[in-house]
Amino acid sequence: MAETTSPVKLEAPTETPQELIISGKESLENYIQKGSDAGTFDASLPPLEIPIIDFGLLTSPSSSSQELEKLRSALCSWGCFQFVLRASVLEFQVINHGVEPALLNKVREATKQFFGLPLAEKKKYYQEDGNFDGYGNDKMQTLHWSHLLYLTVHPEDKRQLKFWPENPEYFRETLDEFSKQSEVINQILLKAFARSLNMEENCFLDMFGEQALMLARFNWYPPCPRPDLVLGVFPHTDGSGLTMLLPDKEVGGLQFLKDNQWYSVTVIPEAFVVNVGDQLEEKEIEPANWLVNESRPRLYKTVKNYNRLYFEQLKLGKRAIEAALL
């Protein structure tokens, strides 16, 4: 006879792990990064200005062709991304994206207010066992020095509103509005990607479908007594199809690897940093037929459950896209 069980809330402590470590009640050991992916804490890393795409020009009939060429260059040639070759992530910045600065500031402020709440309030939204939505920490062998809030925002019927904070009281309304505007930008960008590569305009949108999963992740990096030993997030690629990152306006720290050299990203205020990731889907995925020919041979095998592969490799500190190579 089959039995059903209710989701179990993970036991939330009365103090965060970081507070316990700072007070000397626990060891830092589980947070110390080891091995080749330990990264580096170096404020003097060379800056690298990643390509800038003007969203206004990209959607203007009179100037879109020039901006599409810039986008094509970023997609195909810029060192951090090689869509046809091997790398799995592109980063560029989008300006004039149409989202009002006031809304972006509300998102930032709501994030700061939520993470600044007492733990007793935040643990109302604590992650449940087997569920990524909610407040907590990445479930890795070596822990990240960060707190996160993970929320499904699209499709709307997949939202788990019990994890959406009601404090601050404007959090839900702000996230809903930001999600809707982000969805429009995602659609425009995916169409632009296709046009810049001389593909059918809706080919990437059709790949993901109308019910494509969209997630919101909020990261908070508290002060650390030994920042030289830990990482807020260890080196990784994004398993998503597209990531729009809204950085903090005052605190930096975003880095990426280019030609075996770590660089610090120079962020433009009110710009989104866009990652083109591993093209994650919940279904079977493989290289698109129109991208494979004699001059561009197939490099990746068909993967039936990329979602599982991604998180298995992430826990090992490895890149799933490399595990999918032929």
C-alpha atoms as a PDB file:
ATOM      1  CA  MET A   1       0.000   0.000   0.000  1.00  0.00           C
ATOM      2  CA  ALA A   2       1.396   3.381  -0.998  1.00  0.00           C
ATOM      3  CA  GLU A   3       1.837   6.062   1.600  1.00  0.00           C
ATOM      4  CA  THR A   4       2.055   9.806   1.149  1.00  0.00           C
ATOM      5  CA  THR A   5       4.068  12.098   3.351  1.00  0.00           C
ATOM      6  CA  SER A   6       3.897  15.831   3.867  1.00  0.00           C
ATOM      7  CA  PRO A   7       6.971  17.952   3.126  1.00  0.00           C
ATOM      8  CA  VAL A   8       9.195  18.278   6.171  1.00  0.00           C
ATOM      9  CA  LYS A   9      10.567  21.670   7.090  1.00  0.00           C
ATOM     10  CA  LEU A  10      14.308  21.627   7.644  1.00  0.00           C
ATOM     11  CA  GLU A  11      15.074  22.502  11.250  1.00  0.00           C
ATOM     12  CA  ALA A  12      15.966  26.157  11.407  1.00  0.00           C
ATOM     13  CA  PRO A  13      18.539  27.211  14.036  1.00  0.00           C
ATOM     14  CA  THR A  14      18.066  30.194  16.308  1.00  0.00           C
ATOM     15  CA  GLU A  15      21.259  31.730  14.915  1.00  0.00           C
ATOM     16  CA  THR A  16      22.600  31.681  11.386  1.00  0.00           C
ATOM     17  CA  PRO A  17      25.741  29.572  10.792  1.00  0.00           C
ATOM     18  CA  GLN A  18      27.670  32.756  10.100  1.00  0.00           C
ATOM     19  CA  GLU A  19      26.585  34.243  13.452  1.00  0.00           C
ATOM     20  CA  LEU A  20      27.609  31.051  15.242  1.00  0.00           C
ATOM     21  CA  ILE A  21      31.048  31.137  13.609  1.00  0.00           C
ATOM     22  CA  ILE A  22      31.621  34.821  14.316  1.00  0.00           C
ATOM     23  CA  SER A  23      30.683  34.268  17.968  1.00  0.00           C
ATOM     24  CA  GLY A  24      33.095  31.322  18.186  1.00  0.00           C
ATOM     25  CA  LYS A  25      30.396  28.695  18.828  1.00  0.00           C
ATOM     26  CA  GLU A  26      31.117  26.773  15.611  1.00  0.00           C
ATOM     27  CA  SER A  27      34.087  26.152  13.327  1.00  0.00           C
ATOM     28  CA  LEU A  28      34.591  27.742   9.910  1.00  0.00           C
ATOM     29  CA  GLU A  29      35.728  24.371   8.534  1.00  0.00           C
ATOM     30  CA  ASN A  30      32.611  23.511   6.503  1.00  0.00           C
ATOM     31  CA  TYR A  31      32.898  26.806   4.627  1.00  0.00           C
ATOM     32  CA  ILE A  32      36.597  26.646   3.703  1.00  0.00           C
ATOM     33  CA  GLN A  33      37.020  26.180  -0.040  1.00  0.00           C
ATOM     34  CA  LYS A  34      39.624  23.654  -1.121  1.00  0.00           C
ATOM     35  CA  GLY A  35      41.127  22.411  -4.375  1.00  0.00           C
ATOM     36  CA  SER A  36      41.355  23.928  -7.823  1.00  0.00           C
ATOM     37  CA  ASP A  37      37.968  25.649  -7.567  1.00  0.00           C
ATOM     38  CA  ALA A  38      38.794  27.454  -4.323  1.00  0.00           C
ATOM     39  CA  GLY A  39      38.773  30.747  -6.202  1.00  0.00           C
ATOM     40  CA  THR A  40      40.574  33.792  -4.896  1.00  0.00           C
ATOM     41  CA  PHE A  41      39.949  36.744  -2.636  1.00  0.00           C
ATOM     42  CA  ASP A  42      41.859  39.534  -4.304  1.00  0.00           C
ATOM     43  CA  ALA A  43      40.543  43.078  -4.433  1.00  0.00           C
ATOM     44  CA  SER A  44      43.248  43.910  -6.977  1.00  0.00           C
ATOM     45  CA  LEU A  45      41.950  41.578  -9.686  1.00  0.00           C
ATOM     46  CA  PRO A  46      42.146  43.282 -13.090  1.00  0.00           C
ATOM     47  CA  PRO A  47      38.827  44.780 -14.171  1.00  0.00           C
ATOM     48  CA  LEU A  48      37.206  43.693 -17.396  1.00  0.00           C
ATOM     49  CA  GLU A  49      34.471  45.699 -19.059  1.00  0.00           C
ATOM     50  CA  ILE A  50      32.140  43.141 -20.587  1.00  0.00           C
ATOM     51  CA  PRO A  51      30.208  44.003 -23.779  1.00  0.00           C
ATOM     52  CA  ILE A  52      27.392  46.522 -23.437  1.00  0.00           C
ATOM     53  CA  ILE A  53      24.141  46.010 -25.349  1.00  0.00           C
ATOM     54  CA  ASP A  54      21.767  48.959 -25.568  1.00  0.00           C
ATOM     55  CA  PHE A  55      18.284  47.484 -25.254  1.00  0.00           C
ATOM     56  CA  GLY A  56      16.715  50.612 -26.702  1.00  0.00           C
ATOM     57  CA  LEU A  57      18.839  50.423 -29.840  1.00  0.00           C
ATOM     58  CA  LEU A  58      18.259  46.677 -30.059  1.00  0.00           C
ATOM     59  CA  THR A  59      14.494  47.204 -30.356  1.00  0.00           C
ATOM     60  CA  SER A  60      14.633  50.284 -32.605  1.00  0.00           C
ATOM     61  CA  PRO A  61      13.935  49.632 -36.326  1.00  0.00           C
ATOM     62  CA  SER A  62      16.423  52.318 -37.348  1.00  0.00           C
ATOM     63  CA  SER A  63      19.366  51.075 -35.280  1.00  0.00           C
ATOM     64  CA  SER A  64      18.686  47.430 -34.487  1.00  0.00           C
ATOM     65  CA  SER A  65      20.961  46.061 -37.239  1.00  0.00           C
ATOM     66  CA  GLN A  66      24.086  47.645 -35.726  1.00  0.00           C
ATOM     67  CA  GLU A  67      23.162  46.534 -32.208  1.00  0.00           C
ATOM     68  CA  LEU A  68      22.364  43.031 -33.455  1.00  0.00           C
ATOM     69  CA  GLU A  69      25.873  42.848 -34.859  1.00  0.00           C
ATOM     70  CA  LYS A  70      27.270  43.797 -31.450  1.00  0.00           C
ATOM     71  CA  LEU A  71      25.082  41.139 -29.893  1.00  0.00           C
ATOM     72  CA  ARG A  72      26.254  38.574 -32.436  1.00  0.00           C
ATOM     73  CA  SER A  73      29.858  39.439 -31.606  1.00  0.00           C
ATOM     74  CA  ALA A  74      29.153  38.969 -27.899  1.00  0.00           C
ATOM     75  CA  LEU A  75      27.394  35.664 -28.520  1.00  0.00           C
ATOM     76  CA  CYS A  76      29.920  34.187 -30.934  1.00  0.00           C
ATOM     77  CA  SER A  77      33.295  35.801 -30.412  1.00  0.00           C
ATOM     78  CA  TRP A  78      33.675  37.381 -26.993  1.00  0.00           C
ATOM     79  CA  GLY A  79      36.029  35.376 -24.823  1.00  0.00           C
ATOM     80  CA  CYS A  80      33.597  34.557 -21.994  1.00  0.00           C
ATOM     81  CA  PHE A  81      31.121  32.837 -24.307  1.00  0.00           C
ATOM     82  CA  GLN A  82      31.435  30.594 -27.266  1.00  0.00           C
ATOM     83  CA  PHE A  83      27.951  29.406 -28.120  1.00  0.00           C
ATOM     84  CA  VAL A  84      29.018  27.232 -31.017  1.00  0.00           C
ATOM     85  CA  LEU A  85      32.278  26.090 -29.440  1.00  0.00           C
ATOM     86  CA  ARG A  86      32.795  24.925 -25.882  1.00  0.00           C
ATOM     87  CA  ALA A  87      32.215  27.552 -23.223  1.00  0.00           C
ATOM     88  CA  SER A  88      28.860  27.605 -21.527  1.00  0.00           C
ATOM     89  CA  VAL A  89      28.358  31.157 -20.393  1.00  0.00           C
ATOM     90  CA  LEU A  90      28.202  34.588 -21.927  1.00  0.00           C
ATOM     91  CA  GLU A  91      28.114  37.740 -19.881  1.00  0.00           C
ATOM     92  CA  PHE A  92      27.201  41.141 -21.182  1.00  0.00           C
ATOM     93  CA  GLN A  93      25.389  44.157 -19.817  1.00  0.00           C
ATOM     94  CA  VAL A  94      22.065  45.507 -21.022  1.00  0.00           C
ATOM     95  CA  ILE A  95      21.334  49.220 -20.666  1.00  0.00           C
ATOM     96  CA  ASN A  96      18.160  51.183 -21.509  1.00  0.00           C
ATOM     97  CA  HIS A  97      16.170  48.012 -20.801  1.00  0.00           C
ATOM     98  CA  GLY A  98      12.930  49.840 -20.012  1.00  0.00           C
ATOM     99  CA  VAL A  99      12.638  48.839 -16.345  1.00  0.00           C
ATOM    100  CA  GLU A 100      12.273  51.978 -14.263  1.00  0.00           C
ATOM    101  CA  PRO A 101      15.113  52.673 -11.792  1.00  0.00           C
ATOM    102  CA  ALA A 102      12.492  53.127  -9.073  1.00  0.00           C
ATOM    103  CA  LEU A 103      11.401  49.493  -9.477  1.00  0.00           C
ATOM    104  CA  LEU A 104      15.005  48.256  -9.433  1.00  0.00           C
ATOM    105  CA  ASN A 105      15.616  50.212  -6.232  1.00  0.00           C
ATOM    106  CA  LYS A 106      12.483  48.686  -4.683  1.00  0.00           C
ATOM    107  CA  VAL A 107      13.774  45.199  -5.528  1.00  0.00           C
ATOM    108  CA  ARG A 108      17.123  45.972  -3.908  1.00  0.00           C
ATOM    109  CA  GLU A 109      15.524  47.558  -0.848  1.00  0.00           C
ATOM    110  CA  ALA A 110      13.024  44.708  -0.374  1.00  0.00           C
ATOM    111  CA  THR A 111      15.915  42.249  -0.549  1.00  0.00           C
ATOM    112  CA  LYS A 112      17.942  44.104   2.072  1.00  0.00           C
ATOM    113  CA  GLN A 113      14.949  44.462   4.377  1.00  0.00           C
ATOM    114  CA  PHE A 114      14.081  40.764   4.175  1.00  0.00           C
ATOM    115  CA  PHE A 115      17.604  39.536   4.900  1.00  0.00           C
ATOM    116  CA  GLY A 116      17.870  42.091   7.696  1.00  0.00           C
ATOM    117  CA  LEU A 117      14.893  40.587   9.546  1.00  0.00           C
ATOM    118  CA  PRO A 118      15.394  38.532  12.725  1.00  0.00           C
ATOM    119  CA  LEU A 119      15.983  34.857  12.003  1.00  0.00           C
ATOM    120  CA  ALA A 120      12.699  33.975  13.709  1.00  0.00           C
ATOM    121  CA  GLU A 121      10.863  35.909  11.001  1.00  0.00           C
ATOM    122  CA  LYS A 122      12.931  34.597   8.086  1.00  0.00           C
ATOM    123  CA  LYS A 123      12.623  30.969   9.118  1.00  0.00           C
ATOM    124  CA  LYS A 124       8.889  31.160   8.375  1.00  0.00           C
ATOM    125  CA  TYR A 125      10.045  30.735   4.780  1.00  0.00           C
ATOM    126  CA  TYR A 126      12.690  28.076   5.455  1.00  0.00           C
ATOM    127  CA  GLN A 127      13.291  25.569   2.657  1.00  0.00           C
ATOM    128  CA  GLU A 128      11.579  22.203   2.919  1.00  0.00           C
ATOM    129  CA  ASP A 129      13.435  18.955   2.350  1.00  0.00           C
ATOM    130  CA  GLY A 130      13.555  18.247  -1.399  1.00  0.00           C
ATOM    131  CA  ASN A 131      12.333  21.728  -2.337  1.00  0.00           C
ATOM    132  CA  PHE A 132      14.579  24.501  -3.634  1.00  0.00           C
ATOM    133  CA  ASP A 133      12.044  27.270  -3.022  1.00  0.00           C
ATOM    134  CA  GLY A 134      12.427  29.176   0.212  1.00  0.00           C
ATOM    135  CA  TYR A 135      15.059  30.724   2.474  1.00  0.00           C
ATOM    136  CA  GLY A 136      18.271  28.885   3.296  1.00  0.00           C
ATOM    137  CA  ASN A 137      21.666  27.987   1.850  1.00  0.00           C
ATOM    138  CA  ASP A 138      22.909  26.051  -1.153  1.00  0.00           C
ATOM    139  CA  LYS A 139      23.068  22.353  -0.269  1.00  0.00           C
ATOM    140  CA  MET A 140      26.719  21.691  -1.148  1.00  0.00           C
ATOM    141  CA  GLN A 141      29.507  19.646   0.418  1.00  0.00           C
ATOM    142  CA  THR A 142      31.395  22.864   1.107  1.00  0.00           C
ATOM    143  CA  LEU A 143      28.962  25.588   2.094  1.00  0.00           C
ATOM    144  CA  HIS A 144      28.731  29.007   0.484  1.00  0.00           C
ATOM    145  CA  TRP A 145      29.189  32.023   2.764  1.00  0.00           C
ATOM    146  CA  SER A 146      25.795  33.384   1.836  1.00  0.00           C
ATOM    147  CA  HIS A 147      22.083  33.259   2.497  1.00  0.00           C
ATOM    148  CA  LEU A 148      19.610  32.877  -0.340  1.00  0.00           C
ATOM    149  CA  LEU A 149      15.934  33.154  -1.072  1.00  0.00           C
ATOM    150  CA  TYR A 150      14.836  31.025  -3.998  1.00  0.00           C
ATOM    151  CA  LEU A 151      11.369  31.582  -5.524  1.00  0.00           C
ATOM    152  CA  THR A 152       9.565  30.220  -8.585  1.00  0.00           C
ATOM    153  CA  VAL A 153       7.888  33.146 -10.352  1.00  0.00           C
ATOM    154  CA  HIS A 154       6.722  31.663 -13.699  1.00  0.00           C
ATOM    155  CA  PRO A 155       4.460  29.979 -14.669  1.00  0.00           C
ATOM    156  CA  GLU A 156       2.269  31.668 -12.093  1.00  0.00           C
ATOM    157  CA  ASP A 157       0.464  28.443 -11.216  1.00  0.00           C
ATOM    158  CA  LYS A 158       3.841  27.016 -10.125  1.00  0.00           C
ATOM    159  CA  ARG A 159       4.430  29.756  -7.580  1.00  0.00           C
ATOM    160  CA  GLN A 160       4.676  28.530  -3.982  1.00  0.00           C
ATOM    161  CA  LEU A 161       3.376  31.629  -2.272  1.00  0.00           C
ATOM    162  CA  LYS A 162       3.974  30.237   1.215  1.00  0.00           C
ATOM    163  CA  PHE A 163       7.659  30.980   0.588  1.00  0.00           C
ATOM    164  CA  TRP A 164       7.039  34.538  -0.685  1.00  0.00           C
ATOM    165  CA  PRO A 165       7.845  36.923   2.180  1.00  0.00           C
ATOM    166  CA  GLU A 166       5.080  39.154   3.529  1.00  0.00           C
ATOM    167  CA  ASN A 167       7.644  41.268   5.347  1.00  0.00           C
ATOM    168  CA  PRO A 168       8.419  43.821   4.021  1.00  0.00           C
ATOM    169  CA  GLU A 169       4.787  44.142   3.041  1.00  0.00           C
ATOM    170  CA  TYR A 170       5.578  45.327  -0.504  1.00  0.00           C
ATOM    171  CA  PHE A 171       7.870  42.363  -1.279  1.00  0.00           C
ATOM    172  CA  ARG A 172       5.323  40.216  -3.126  1.00  0.00           C
ATOM    173  CA  GLU A 173       3.895  43.064  -5.196  1.00  0.00           C
ATOM    174  CA  THR A 174       7.394  44.244  -6.145  1.00  0.00           C
ATOM    175  CA  LEU A 175       8.579  40.784  -7.160  1.00  0.00           C
ATOM    176  CA  ASP A 176       5.419  40.172  -9.193  1.00  0.00           C
ATOM    177  CA  GLU A 177       5.913  43.395 -11.170  1.00  0.00           C
ATOM    178  CA  PHE A 178       9.638  42.806 -11.622  1.00  0.00           C
ATOM    179  CA  SER A 179       8.999  39.241 -12.808  1.00  0.00           C
ATOM    180  CA  LYS A 180       6.475  40.336 -15.426  1.00  0.00           C
ATOM    181  CA  GLN A 181       8.812  42.979 -16.814  1.00  0.00           C
ATOM    182  CA  SER A 182      11.733  40.531 -16.775  1.00  0.00           C
ATOM    183  CA  GLU A 183       9.689  38.021 -18.750  1.00  0.00           C
ATOM    184  CA  VAL A 184       9.102  40.588 -21.506  1.00  0.00           C
ATOM    185  CA  ILE A 185      12.838  41.382 -21.627  1.00  0.00           C
ATOM    186  CA  ASN A 186      13.675  37.660 -21.780  1.00  0.00           C
ATOM    187  CA  GLN A 187      11.407  37.183 -24.775  1.00  0.00           C
ATOM    188  CA  ILE A 188      12.871  40.168 -26.625  1.00  0.00           C
ATOM    189  CA  LEU A 189      16.429  39.033 -25.890  1.00  0.00           C
ATOM    190  CA  LEU A 190      15.793  35.465 -27.053  1.00  0.00           C
ATOM    191  CA  LYS A 191      14.315  36.752 -30.295  1.00  0.00           C
ATOM    192  CA  ALA A 192      17.300  39.065 -30.735  1.00  0.00           C
ATOM    193  CA  PHE A 193      19.691  36.169 -30.108  1.00  0.00           C
ATOM    194  CA  ALA A 194      18.045  34.244 -32.930  1.00  0.00           C
ATOM    195  CA  ARG A 195      18.063  37.177 -35.375  1.00  0.00           C
ATOM    196  CA  SER A 196      21.695  37.973 -34.614  1.00  0.00           C
ATOM    197  CA  LEU A 197      22.613  34.385 -35.514  1.00  0.00           C
ATOM    198  CA  ASN A 198      20.485  34.446 -38.693  1.00  0.00           C
ATOM    199  CA  MET A 199      18.006  31.959 -37.267  1.00  0.00           C
ATOM    200  CA  GLU A 200      14.226  31.943 -37.239  1.00  0.00           C
ATOM    201  CA  GLU A 201      13.148  34.603 -34.744  1.00  0.00           C
ATOM    202  CA  ASN A 202      11.109  32.364 -32.445  1.00  0.00           C
ATOM    203  CA  CYS A 203      13.399  29.323 -32.469  1.00  0.00           C
ATOM    204  CA  PHE A 204      14.722  29.817 -28.923  1.00  0.00           C
ATOM    205  CA  LEU A 205      11.312  30.816 -27.568  1.00  0.00           C
ATOM    206  CA  ASP A 206       9.836  27.654 -29.078  1.00  0.00           C
ATOM    207  CA  MET A 207      12.588  25.596 -27.430  1.00  0.00           C
ATOM    208  CA  PHE A 208      11.545  26.750 -23.976  1.00  0.00           C
ATOM    209  CA  GLY A 209       7.809  26.949 -24.647  1.00  0.00           C
ATOM    210  CA  GLU A 210       5.135  29.175 -23.156  1.00  0.00           C
ATOM    211  CA  GLN A 211       5.420  27.504 -19.742  1.00  0.00           C
ATOM    212  CA  ALA A 212       9.169  28.031 -19.379  1.00  0.00           C
ATOM    213  CA  LEU A 213      10.304  27.996 -15.777  1.00  0.00           C
ATOM    214  CA  MET A 214      11.525  31.334 -14.403  1.00  0.00           C
ATOM    215  CA  LEU A 215      13.135  31.550 -10.974  1.00  0.00           C
ATOM    216  CA  ALA A 216      14.140  34.458  -8.765  1.00  0.00           C
ATOM    217  CA  ARG A 217      17.188  34.048  -6.547  1.00  0.00           C
ATOM    218  CA  PHE A 218      18.167  36.632  -3.942  1.00  0.00           C
ATOM    219  CA  ASN A 219      21.701  36.410  -2.512  1.00  0.00           C
ATOM    220  CA  TRP A 220      22.971  37.950   0.714  1.00  0.00           C
ATOM    221  CA  TYR A 221      26.638  37.859   1.715  1.00  0.00           C
ATOM    222  CA  PRO A 222      27.140  38.688   5.416  1.00  0.00           C
ATOM    223  CA  PRO A 223      30.489  39.913   6.801  1.00  0.00           C
ATOM    224  CA  CYS A 224      33.064  37.150   7.233  1.00  0.00           C
ATOM    225  CA  PRO A 225      36.011  36.966   9.682  1.00  0.00           C
ATOM    226  CA  ARG A 226      38.166  35.155   7.077  1.00  0.00           C
ATOM    227  CA  PRO A 227      37.044  36.209   3.588  1.00  0.00           C
ATOM    228  CA  ASP A 228      40.292  34.808   2.175  1.00  0.00           C
ATOM    229  CA  LEU A 229      39.126  31.259   2.978  1.00  0.00           C
ATOM    230  CA  VAL A 230      35.499  31.221   1.828  1.00  0.00           C
ATOM    231  CA  LEU A 231      33.397  32.076  -1.209  1.00  0.00           C
ATOM    232  CA  GLY A 232      29.942  33.595  -1.434  1.00  0.00           C
ATOM    233  CA  VAL A 233      29.306  31.322  -4.424  1.00  0.00           C
ATOM    234  CA  PHE A 234      31.983  29.015  -5.779  1.00  0.00           C
ATOM    235  CA  PRO A 235      32.929  28.971  -9.498  1.00  0.00           C
ATOM    236  CA  HIS A 236      30.082  27.656 -11.619  1.00  0.00           C
ATOM    237  CA  THR A 237      28.166  27.989 -14.839  1.00  0.00           C
ATOM    238  CA  ASP A 238      24.454  28.735 -14.874  1.00  0.00           C
ATOM    239  CA  GLY A 239      22.227  25.782 -15.655  1.00  0.00           C
ATOM    240  CA  SER A 240      19.480  28.077 -16.902  1.00  0.00           C
ATOM    241  CA  GLY A 241      18.892  29.253 -20.424  1.00  0.00           C
ATOM    242  CA  LEU A 242      19.166  32.931 -19.502  1.00  0.00           C
ATOM    243  CA  THR A 243      20.047  34.755 -16.283  1.00  0.00           C
ATOM    244  CA  MET A 244      19.437  38.450 -15.626  1.00  0.00           C
ATOM    245  CA  LEU A 245      21.565  39.620 -12.714  1.00  0.00           C
ATOM    246  CA  LEU A 246      20.760  42.851 -10.870  1.00  0.00           C
ATOM    247  CA  PRO A 247      23.952  43.697  -8.947  1.00  0.00           C
ATOM    248  CA  ASP A 248      24.190  45.772  -5.815  1.00  0.00           C
ATOM    249  CA  LYS A 249      24.985  49.393  -6.645  1.00  0.00           C
ATOM    250  CA  GLU A 250      27.530  49.804  -3.850  1.00  0.00           C
ATOM    251  CA  VAL A 251      29.102  46.400  -3.163  1.00  0.00           C
ATOM    252  CA  GLY A 252      31.017  44.602  -5.900  1.00  0.00           C
ATOM    253  CA  GLY A 253      32.510  41.133  -5.957  1.00  0.00           C
ATOM    254  CA  LEU A 254      31.222  39.644  -9.222  1.00  0.00           C
ATOM    255  CA  GLN A 255      34.068  37.797 -10.960  1.00  0.00           C
ATOM    256  CA  PHE A 256      34.455  35.447 -13.880  1.00  0.00           C
ATOM    257  CA  LEU A 257      37.158  33.380 -15.513  1.00  0.00           C
ATOM    258  CA  LYS A 258      38.500  34.308 -18.951  1.00  0.00           C
ATOM    259  CA  ASP A 259      41.502  32.600 -20.560  1.00  0.00           C
ATOM    260  CA  ASN A 260      42.425  31.044 -17.181  1.00  0.00           C
ATOM    261  CA  GLN A 261      42.527  34.483 -15.538  1.00  0.00           C
ATOM    262  CA  TRP A 262      40.041  35.750 -12.971  1.00  0.00           C
ATOM    263  CA  TYR A 263      38.635  39.237 -13.598  1.00  0.00           C
ATOM    264  CA  SER A 264      36.489  41.610 -11.626  1.00  0.00           C
ATOM    265  CA  VAL A 265      33.380  42.698 -13.530  1.00  0.00           C
ATOM    266  CA  THR A 266      32.893  46.425 -13.951  1.00  0.00           C
ATOM    267  CA  VAL A 267      29.171  46.978 -13.396  1.00  0.00           C
ATOM    268  CA  ILE A 268      27.167  49.885 -14.817  1.00  0.00           C
ATOM    269  CA  PRO A 269      24.533  51.285 -12.420  1.00  0.00           C
ATOM    270  CA  GLU A 270      20.978  50.277 -13.398  1.00  0.00           C
ATOM    271  CA  ALA A 271      22.285  47.771 -15.981  1.00  0.00           C
ATOM    272  CA  PHE A 272      21.539  44.051 -15.964  1.00  0.00           C
ATOM    273  CA  VAL A 273      24.392  41.592 -16.296  1.00  0.00           C
ATOM    274  CA  VAL A 274      23.092  38.830 -18.568  1.00  0.00           C
ATOM    275  CA  ASN A 275      24.332  35.252 -18.497  1.00  0.00           C
ATOM    276  CA  VAL A 276      23.561  32.861 -21.308  1.00  0.00           C
ATOM    277  CA  GLY A 277      23.818  29.547 -19.522  1.00  0.00           C
ATOM    278  CA  ASP A 278      23.720  25.843 -20.250  1.00  0.00           C
ATOM    279  CA  GLN A 279      20.272  25.978 -21.908  1.00  0.00           C
ATOM    280  CA  LEU A 280      18.658  24.026 -19.099  1.00  0.00           C
ATOM    281  CA  GLU A 281      15.293  22.421 -19.810  1.00  0.00           C
ATOM    282  CA  GLU A 282      13.351  19.863 -17.841  1.00  0.00           C
ATOM    283  CA  LYS A 283      13.020  17.642 -20.921  1.00  0.00           C
ATOM    284  CA  GLU A 284      15.537  15.843 -23.140  1.00  0.00           C
ATOM    285  CA  ILE A 285      17.984  18.311 -24.672  1.00  0.00           C
ATOM    286  CA  GLU A 286      20.578  18.143 -27.409  1.00  0.00           C
ATOM    287  CA  PRO A 287      22.392  20.541 -29.781  1.00  0.00           C
ATOM    288  CA  ALA A 288      19.976  22.352 -32.081  1.00  0.00           C
ATOM    289  CA  ASN A 289      20.041  20.885 -35.579  1.00  0.00           C
ATOM    290  CA  TRP A 290      20.509  24.272 -37.234  1.00  0.00           C
ATOM    291  CA  LEU A 291      23.737  24.831 -35.276  1.00  0.00           C
ATOM    292  CA  VAL A 292      25.431  21.631 -36.471  1.00  0.00           C
ATOM    293  CA  ASN A 293      27.066  21.279 -39.871  1.00  0.00           C
ATOM    294  CA  GLU A 294      30.363  20.163 -41.414  1.00  0.00           C
ATOM    295  CA  SER A 295      32.209  23.252 -40.225  1.00  0.00           C
ATOM    296  CA  ARG A 296      30.551  23.154 -36.774  1.00  0.00           C
ATOM    297  CA  PRO A 297      30.447  19.484 -35.743  1.00  0.00           C
ATOM    298  CA  ARG A 298      28.358  18.266 -32.866  1.00  0.00           C
ATOM    299  CA  LEU A 299      30.189  18.553 -29.523  1.00  0.00           C
ATOM    300  CA  TYR A 300      27.522  17.450 -27.031  1.00  0.00           C
ATOM    301  CA  LYS A 301      25.509  14.293 -26.483  1.00  0.00           C
ATOM    302  CA  THR A 302      21.774  14.084 -25.907  1.00  0.00           C
ATOM    303  CA  VAL A 303      20.935  14.469 -22.207  1.00  0.00           C
ATOM    304  CA  LYS A 304      17.629  13.171 -20.887  1.00  0.00           C
ATOM    305  CA  ASN A 305      17.675  14.882 -17.496  1.00  0.00           C
ATOM    306  CA  TYR A 306      19.962  17.898 -17.592  1.00  0.00           C
ATOM    307  CA  ASN A 307      18.411  19.233 -14.398  1.00  0.00           C
ATOM    308  CA  ARG A 308      19.652  16.231 -12.416  1.00  0.00           C
ATOM    309  CA  LEU A 309      23.038  16.255 -14.182  1.00  0.00           C
ATOM    310  CA  TYR A 310      23.489  19.948 -13.421  1.00  0.00           C
ATOM    311  CA  PHE A 311      22.956  19.638  -9.668  1.00  0.00           C
ATOM    312  CA  GLU A 312      24.965  16.404  -9.418  1.00  0.00           C
ATOM    313  CA  GLN A 313      27.946  18.104 -11.032  1.00  0.00           C
ATOM    314  CA  LEU A 314      27.412  21.342  -9.088  1.00  0.00           C
ATOM    315  CA  LYS A 315      27.694  19.494  -5.781  1.00  0.00           C
ATOM    316  CA  LEU A 316      31.022  18.101  -6.993  1.00  0.00           C
ATOM    317  CA  GLY A 317      32.240  21.545  -7.980  1.00  0.00           C
ATOM    318  CA  LYS A 318      32.152  20.598 -11.672  1.00  0.00           C
ATOM    319  CA  ARG A 319      30.427  22.006 -14.739  1.00  0.00           C
ATOM    320  CA  ALA A 320      27.527  20.010 -16.120  1.00  0.00           C
ATOM    321  CA  ILE A 321      28.082  21.280 -19.644  1.00  0.00           C
ATOM    322  CA  GLU A 322      31.491  19.571 -19.650  1.00  0.00           C
ATOM    323  CA  ALA A 323      29.949  16.287 -18.512  1.00  0.00           C
ATOM    324  CA  ALA A 324      27.688  16.466 -21.573  1.00  0.00           C
ATOM    325  CA  LEU A 325      30.609  16.608 -24.024  1.00  0.00           C
ATOM    326  CA  LEU A 326      30.920  13.736 -26.491  1.00  0.00           C
END
